Amino acid sequence: MTRILKPISAETLGCLDQIFAQYFREERGMRIVERSLGNDFTGRIDLLATDGARVYLITIGTGEFPRCLFRSFTGYRWFRENRDFLGRIYSPEEIDVTLPACLIILSQDIPPGAPAVCKDVCTVPVLLYRYRLFGAPDDPDISVESLAEPEDKPVIEPSPDVLRKKLGIGPAGLSDAEILDFRAAMGPFE
């Protein structure tokens, strides 16, 4: 879990879009392009963001998860139907709306199994984040927990020479294959 701000008051809950915009900008390296696109009738996107590789349609849930999920889907439909229009409004330097889309849903009550169900039934990637409010109602803390990271981010393994230096095994005289086997047996590390 990542704590993103100092405690906020209950009145600030109406400003969740600003709080989460800060989170995705600072913690996830995204550029927030627009807030509150569309409308509740045809589809709404709470935050439109990009990281240069994808377009993120972020939905901030303040009610039950099924309602939030449906809002995210209608927001995606609105985005697809208005992609050409958005391409005329925003320059490609701001956001390339032709990039693959990814839905991000923030909710307080994501049920168990929801990430797997979204992965199985959705045609676009869906990233789920649970946010929590802690503390007193008039002075809560807020934290964000990612429930699933996208699997298409490649894992870059260091070369055997980098591993020799990082592990301090240069003088051991191990072959590249032995070092890679040793690294695989160790599991993940930073």
C-alpha atoms as a PDB file:
ATOM      1  CA  MET A   1       0.000   0.000   0.000  1.00  0.00           C
ATOM      2  CA  THR A   2       1.157   3.516  -0.743  1.00  0.00           C
ATOM      3  CA  ARG A   3       0.114   6.454   1.370  1.00  0.00           C
ATOM      4  CA  ILE A   4      -0.344   9.314  -1.038  1.00  0.00           C
ATOM      5  CA  LEU A   5      -1.231  12.374   1.009  1.00  0.00           C
ATOM      6  CA  LYS A   6      -1.483  13.671   4.535  1.00  0.00           C
ATOM      7  CA  PRO A   7      -4.848  13.048   6.206  1.00  0.00           C
ATOM      8  CA  ILE A   8      -7.792  14.567   4.361  1.00  0.00           C
ATOM      9  CA  SER A   9     -11.092  15.763   5.721  1.00  0.00           C
ATOM     10  CA  ALA A  10     -14.396  14.125   4.823  1.00  0.00           C
ATOM     11  CA  GLU A  11     -15.335  17.235   2.832  1.00  0.00           C
ATOM     12  CA  THR A  12     -12.337  16.582   0.603  1.00  0.00           C
ATOM     13  CA  LEU A  13     -13.844  13.306  -0.637  1.00  0.00           C
ATOM     14  CA  GLY A  14     -15.448  15.339  -3.409  1.00  0.00           C
ATOM     15  CA  CYS A  15     -11.896  16.041  -4.594  1.00  0.00           C
ATOM     16  CA  LEU A  16     -10.879  12.402  -5.047  1.00  0.00           C
ATOM     17  CA  ASP A  17     -10.143  13.062  -8.718  1.00  0.00           C
ATOM     18  CA  GLN A  18      -7.420  15.543  -7.722  1.00  0.00           C
ATOM     19  CA  ILE A  19      -5.992  13.166  -5.137  1.00  0.00           C
ATOM     20  CA  PHE A  20      -5.886  10.237  -7.556  1.00  0.00           C
ATOM     21  CA  ALA A  21      -4.551  12.437 -10.363  1.00  0.00           C
ATOM     22  CA  GLN A  22      -1.641  13.240  -8.056  1.00  0.00           C
ATOM     23  CA  TYR A  23      -1.184   9.538  -7.245  1.00  0.00           C
ATOM     24  CA  PHE A  24      -1.067   8.417 -10.888  1.00  0.00           C
ATOM     25  CA  ARG A  25       1.180  11.322 -11.842  1.00  0.00           C
ATOM     26  CA  GLU A  26       3.700  10.881  -9.018  1.00  0.00           C
ATOM     27  CA  GLU A  27       3.582   7.137  -8.311  1.00  0.00           C
ATOM     28  CA  ARG A  28       2.827   5.721 -11.770  1.00  0.00           C
ATOM     29  CA  GLY A  29       4.468   8.332 -14.017  1.00  0.00           C
ATOM     30  CA  MET A  30       1.330   9.125 -15.995  1.00  0.00           C
ATOM     31  CA  ARG A  31       0.385  12.441 -17.521  1.00  0.00           C
ATOM     32  CA  ILE A  32      -3.172  13.451 -16.637  1.00  0.00           C
ATOM     33  CA  VAL A  33      -4.647  15.055 -19.737  1.00  0.00           C
ATOM     34  CA  GLU A  34      -8.252  15.734 -18.730  1.00  0.00           C
ATOM     35  CA  ARG A  35     -10.733  15.370 -15.889  1.00  0.00           C
ATOM     36  CA  SER A  36     -14.418  14.485 -16.164  1.00  0.00           C
ATOM     37  CA  LEU A  37     -14.909  13.755 -19.865  1.00  0.00           C
ATOM     38  CA  GLY A  38     -18.349  12.826 -21.146  1.00  0.00           C
ATOM     39  CA  ASN A  39     -21.444  12.634 -18.968  1.00  0.00           C
ATOM     40  CA  ASP A  40     -23.316  10.193 -16.762  1.00  0.00           C
ATOM     41  CA  PHE A  41     -25.859   9.386 -19.466  1.00  0.00           C
ATOM     42  CA  THR A  42     -23.614   8.413 -22.407  1.00  0.00           C
ATOM     43  CA  GLY A  43     -20.441   7.558 -20.498  1.00  0.00           C
ATOM     44  CA  ARG A  44     -17.966   9.411 -18.353  1.00  0.00           C
ATOM     45  CA  ILE A  45     -14.223   9.178 -17.800  1.00  0.00           C
ATOM     46  CA  ASP A  46     -13.087  10.618 -14.476  1.00  0.00           C
ATOM     47  CA  LEU A  47      -9.433  10.957 -15.536  1.00  0.00           C
ATOM     48  CA  LEU A  48      -7.921  10.623 -19.007  1.00  0.00           C
ATOM     49  CA  ALA A  49      -4.212   9.815 -18.749  1.00  0.00           C
ATOM     50  CA  THR A  50      -1.277   8.447 -20.721  1.00  0.00           C
ATOM     51  CA  ASP A  51       2.205   7.105 -20.138  1.00  0.00           C
ATOM     52  CA  GLY A  52       3.201   7.311 -23.799  1.00  0.00           C
ATOM     53  CA  ALA A  53       2.458   3.621 -24.407  1.00  0.00           C
ATOM     54  CA  ARG A  54      -1.240   3.462 -23.484  1.00  0.00           C
ATOM     55  CA  VAL A  55      -4.288   5.631 -22.948  1.00  0.00           C
ATOM     56  CA  TYR A  56      -5.724   5.155 -19.446  1.00  0.00           C
ATOM     57  CA  LEU A  57      -9.423   5.696 -18.764  1.00  0.00           C
ATOM     58  CA  ILE A  58      -9.636   6.068 -14.993  1.00  0.00           C
ATOM     59  CA  THR A  59     -12.895   5.589 -13.102  1.00  0.00           C
ATOM     60  CA  ILE A  60     -13.089   6.608  -9.449  1.00  0.00           C
ATOM     61  CA  GLY A  61     -15.739   4.653  -7.599  1.00  0.00           C
ATOM     62  CA  THR A  62     -17.435   6.174  -4.591  1.00  0.00           C
ATOM     63  CA  GLY A  63     -20.246   3.623  -4.491  1.00  0.00           C
ATOM     64  CA  GLU A  64     -20.556  -0.110  -4.969  1.00  0.00           C
ATOM     65  CA  PHE A  65     -18.094  -1.880  -7.276  1.00  0.00           C
ATOM     66  CA  PRO A  66     -20.662  -3.164  -9.841  1.00  0.00           C
ATOM     67  CA  ARG A  67     -21.844   0.396 -10.443  1.00  0.00           C
ATOM     68  CA  CYS A  68     -18.251   1.576 -10.789  1.00  0.00           C
ATOM     69  CA  LEU A  69     -17.455  -1.246 -13.218  1.00  0.00           C
ATOM     70  CA  PHE A  70     -20.478  -0.351 -15.344  1.00  0.00           C
ATOM     71  CA  ARG A  71     -19.449   3.337 -15.330  1.00  0.00           C
ATOM     72  CA  SER A  72     -15.986   2.300 -16.511  1.00  0.00           C
ATOM     73  CA  PHE A  73     -17.457   0.252 -19.363  1.00  0.00           C
ATOM     74  CA  THR A  74     -19.745   3.085 -20.495  1.00  0.00           C
ATOM     75  CA  GLY A  75     -16.774   5.469 -20.269  1.00  0.00           C
ATOM     76  CA  TYR A  76     -14.804   3.149 -22.533  1.00  0.00           C
ATOM     77  CA  ARG A  77     -17.709   3.014 -24.995  1.00  0.00           C
ATOM     78  CA  TRP A  78     -17.871   6.835 -24.969  1.00  0.00           C
ATOM     79  CA  PHE A  79     -14.113   6.974 -25.604  1.00  0.00           C
ATOM     80  CA  ARG A  80     -14.352   4.580 -28.571  1.00  0.00           C
ATOM     81  CA  GLU A  81     -17.274   6.486 -30.081  1.00  0.00           C
ATOM     82  CA  ASN A  82     -15.508   9.838 -29.641  1.00  0.00           C
ATOM     83  CA  ARG A  83     -11.908   8.824 -30.410  1.00  0.00           C
ATOM     84  CA  ASP A  84     -11.814  10.781 -33.698  1.00  0.00           C
ATOM     85  CA  PHE A  85     -13.220  13.858 -31.974  1.00  0.00           C
ATOM     86  CA  LEU A  86     -10.660  13.561 -29.163  1.00  0.00           C
ATOM     87  CA  GLY A  87      -7.913  13.208 -31.778  1.00  0.00           C
ATOM     88  CA  ARG A  88      -8.906  16.621 -33.147  1.00  0.00           C
ATOM     89  CA  ILE A  89      -9.048  18.243 -29.707  1.00  0.00           C
ATOM     90  CA  TYR A  90      -5.743  16.960 -28.335  1.00  0.00           C
ATOM     91  CA  SER A  91      -2.437  17.071 -30.139  1.00  0.00           C
ATOM     92  CA  PRO A  92      -0.491  13.801 -30.380  1.00  0.00           C
ATOM     93  CA  GLU A  93       2.091  15.386 -28.061  1.00  0.00           C
ATOM     94  CA  GLU A  94      -0.580  15.726 -25.348  1.00  0.00           C
ATOM     95  CA  ILE A  95      -2.075  12.281 -25.839  1.00  0.00           C
ATOM     96  CA  ASP A  96      -2.085   9.868 -28.753  1.00  0.00           C
ATOM     97  CA  VAL A  97      -5.660   8.593 -28.644  1.00  0.00           C
ATOM     98  CA  THR A  98      -4.792   5.871 -31.165  1.00  0.00           C
ATOM     99  CA  LEU A  99      -2.692   4.069 -28.532  1.00  0.00           C
ATOM    100  CA  PRO A 100      -4.201   0.962 -26.908  1.00  0.00           C
ATOM    101  CA  ALA A 101      -6.667   1.767 -24.147  1.00  0.00           C
ATOM    102  CA  CYS A 102      -6.543   0.431 -20.599  1.00  0.00           C
ATOM    103  CA  LEU A 103      -9.262   0.820 -17.981  1.00  0.00           C
ATOM    104  CA  ILE A 104      -8.311   1.684 -14.413  1.00  0.00           C
ATOM    105  CA  ILE A 105     -10.948   1.309 -11.731  1.00  0.00           C
ATOM    106  CA  LEU A 106     -10.521   2.611  -8.193  1.00  0.00           C
ATOM    107  CA  SER A 107     -12.983   1.319  -5.619  1.00  0.00           C
ATOM    108  CA  GLN A 108     -13.196   0.668  -1.906  1.00  0.00           C
ATOM    109  CA  ASP A 109     -15.013  -2.655  -2.230  1.00  0.00           C
ATOM    110  CA  ILE A 110     -13.511  -4.759  -5.019  1.00  0.00           C
ATOM    111  CA  PRO A 111     -14.700  -8.347  -4.528  1.00  0.00           C
ATOM    112  CA  PRO A 112     -12.298 -11.300  -4.495  1.00  0.00           C
ATOM    113  CA  GLY A 113     -11.766 -12.695  -7.964  1.00  0.00           C
ATOM    114  CA  ALA A 114     -12.641  -9.456  -9.758  1.00  0.00           C
ATOM    115  CA  PRO A 115      -9.181  -9.061 -11.368  1.00  0.00           C
ATOM    116  CA  ALA A 116      -9.351 -12.588 -12.838  1.00  0.00           C
ATOM    117  CA  VAL A 117     -12.920 -12.093 -14.087  1.00  0.00           C
ATOM    118  CA  CYS A 118     -12.015  -8.778 -15.733  1.00  0.00           C
ATOM    119  CA  LYS A 119      -9.006 -10.399 -17.396  1.00  0.00           C
ATOM    120  CA  ASP A 120     -11.125 -13.285 -18.704  1.00  0.00           C
ATOM    121  CA  VAL A 121     -14.098 -11.322 -20.052  1.00  0.00           C
ATOM    122  CA  CYS A 122     -12.828  -7.879 -21.060  1.00  0.00           C
ATOM    123  CA  THR A 123     -11.347  -7.080 -24.452  1.00  0.00           C
ATOM    124  CA  VAL A 124      -9.119  -4.342 -23.005  1.00  0.00           C
ATOM    125  CA  PRO A 125      -6.821  -4.552 -19.980  1.00  0.00           C
ATOM    126  CA  VAL A 126      -8.482  -3.602 -16.695  1.00  0.00           C
ATOM    127  CA  LEU A 127      -6.361  -2.576 -13.720  1.00  0.00           C
ATOM    128  CA  LEU A 128      -8.067  -2.554 -10.339  1.00  0.00           C
ATOM    129  CA  TYR A 129      -6.979  -0.414  -7.403  1.00  0.00           C
ATOM    130  CA  ARG A 130      -8.483  -0.588  -3.948  1.00  0.00           C
ATOM    131  CA  TYR A 131      -8.397   2.605  -1.963  1.00  0.00           C
ATOM    132  CA  ARG A 132      -8.983   2.783   1.755  1.00  0.00           C
ATOM    133  CA  LEU A 133      -9.937   5.550   4.109  1.00  0.00           C
ATOM    134  CA  PHE A 134      -8.531   5.123   7.610  1.00  0.00           C
ATOM    135  CA  GLY A 135      -8.821   7.074  10.823  1.00  0.00           C
ATOM    136  CA  ALA A 136     -11.521   9.386  12.065  1.00  0.00           C
ATOM    137  CA  PRO A 137     -14.364  10.303   9.695  1.00  0.00           C
ATOM    138  CA  ASP A 138     -13.430  13.980   9.891  1.00  0.00           C
ATOM    139  CA  ASP A 139      -9.698  13.330   9.421  1.00  0.00           C
ATOM    140  CA  PRO A 140      -9.117  10.112   7.409  1.00  0.00           C
ATOM    141  CA  ASP A 141      -5.951   8.826   5.756  1.00  0.00           C
ATOM    142  CA  ILE A 142      -6.151   7.483   2.219  1.00  0.00           C
ATOM    143  CA  SER A 143      -4.068   4.678   0.749  1.00  0.00           C
ATOM    144  CA  VAL A 144      -4.047   2.904  -2.613  1.00  0.00           C
ATOM    145  CA  GLU A 145      -3.313  -0.753  -3.335  1.00  0.00           C
ATOM    146  CA  SER A 146      -2.879  -2.170  -6.834  1.00  0.00           C
ATOM    147  CA  LEU A 147      -4.697  -5.505  -7.118  1.00  0.00           C
ATOM    148  CA  ALA A 148      -3.139  -6.514 -10.424  1.00  0.00           C
ATOM    149  CA  GLU A 149      -0.358  -5.141 -12.559  1.00  0.00           C
ATOM    150  CA  PRO A 150      -0.447  -5.500 -16.328  1.00  0.00           C
ATOM    151  CA  GLU A 151       1.296  -8.675 -17.446  1.00  0.00           C
ATOM    152  CA  ASP A 152       2.546  -7.242 -20.717  1.00  0.00           C
ATOM    153  CA  LYS A 153       5.351  -5.266 -19.105  1.00  0.00           C
ATOM    154  CA  PRO A 154       8.502  -7.138 -20.089  1.00  0.00           C
ATOM    155  CA  VAL A 155      10.843  -8.270 -17.355  1.00  0.00           C
ATOM    156  CA  ILE A 156      14.350  -7.290 -18.319  1.00  0.00           C
ATOM    157  CA  GLU A 157      16.942  -9.628 -16.889  1.00  0.00           C
ATOM    158  CA  PRO A 158      20.455  -8.270 -16.452  1.00  0.00           C
ATOM    159  CA  SER A 159      23.269  -9.742 -18.508  1.00  0.00           C
ATOM    160  CA  PRO A 160      25.653 -12.271 -16.918  1.00  0.00           C
ATOM    161  CA  ASP A 161      28.339  -9.556 -16.672  1.00  0.00           C
ATOM    162  CA  VAL A 162      25.965  -7.247 -14.779  1.00  0.00           C
ATOM    163  CA  LEU A 163      24.985 -10.165 -12.520  1.00  0.00           C
ATOM    164  CA  ARG A 164      28.658 -10.948 -11.807  1.00  0.00           C
ATOM    165  CA  LYS A 165      29.180  -7.372 -10.663  1.00  0.00           C
ATOM    166  CA  LYS A 166      25.877  -7.114  -8.765  1.00  0.00           C
ATOM    167  CA  LEU A 167      26.355 -10.445  -6.977  1.00  0.00           C
ATOM    168  CA  GLY A 168      30.069  -9.937  -6.415  1.00  0.00           C
ATOM    169  CA  ILE A 169      30.993 -13.256  -8.021  1.00  0.00           C
ATOM    170  CA  GLY A 170      33.434 -12.019 -10.667  1.00  0.00           C
ATOM    171  CA  PRO A 171      36.490 -13.924  -9.422  1.00  0.00           C
ATOM    172  CA  ALA A 172      34.522 -17.174  -8.977  1.00  0.00           C
ATOM    173  CA  GLY A 173      35.178 -18.238 -12.574  1.00  0.00           C
ATOM    174  CA  LEU A 174      31.568 -19.265 -13.305  1.00  0.00           C
ATOM    175  CA  SER A 175      30.340 -19.561 -16.898  1.00  0.00           C
ATOM    176  CA  ASP A 176      27.471 -17.403 -18.209  1.00  0.00           C
ATOM    177  CA  ALA A 177      25.144 -20.432 -18.139  1.00  0.00           C
ATOM    178  CA  GLU A 178      26.051 -21.185 -14.497  1.00  0.00           C
ATOM    179  CA  ILE A 179      25.436 -17.562 -13.504  1.00  0.00           C
ATOM    180  CA  LEU A 180      22.046 -17.510 -15.256  1.00  0.00           C
ATOM    181  CA  ASP A 181      21.100 -20.806 -13.572  1.00  0.00           C
ATOM    182  CA  PHE A 182      22.183 -19.371 -10.220  1.00  0.00           C
ATOM    183  CA  ARG A 183      20.130 -16.203 -10.868  1.00  0.00           C
ATOM    184  CA  ALA A 184      17.040 -18.243 -11.798  1.00  0.00           C
ATOM    185  CA  ALA A 185      17.353 -20.277  -8.596  1.00  0.00           C
ATOM    186  CA  MET A 186      17.535 -17.091  -6.491  1.00  0.00           C
ATOM    187  CA  GLY A 187      14.139 -15.748  -7.560  1.00  0.00           C
ATOM    188  CA  PRO A 188      13.297 -12.052  -7.982  1.00  0.00           C
ATOM    189  CA  PHE A 189      15.492  -9.358  -6.504  1.00  0.00           C
ATOM    190  CA  GLU A 190      16.040  -5.642  -7.041  1.00  0.00           C
END
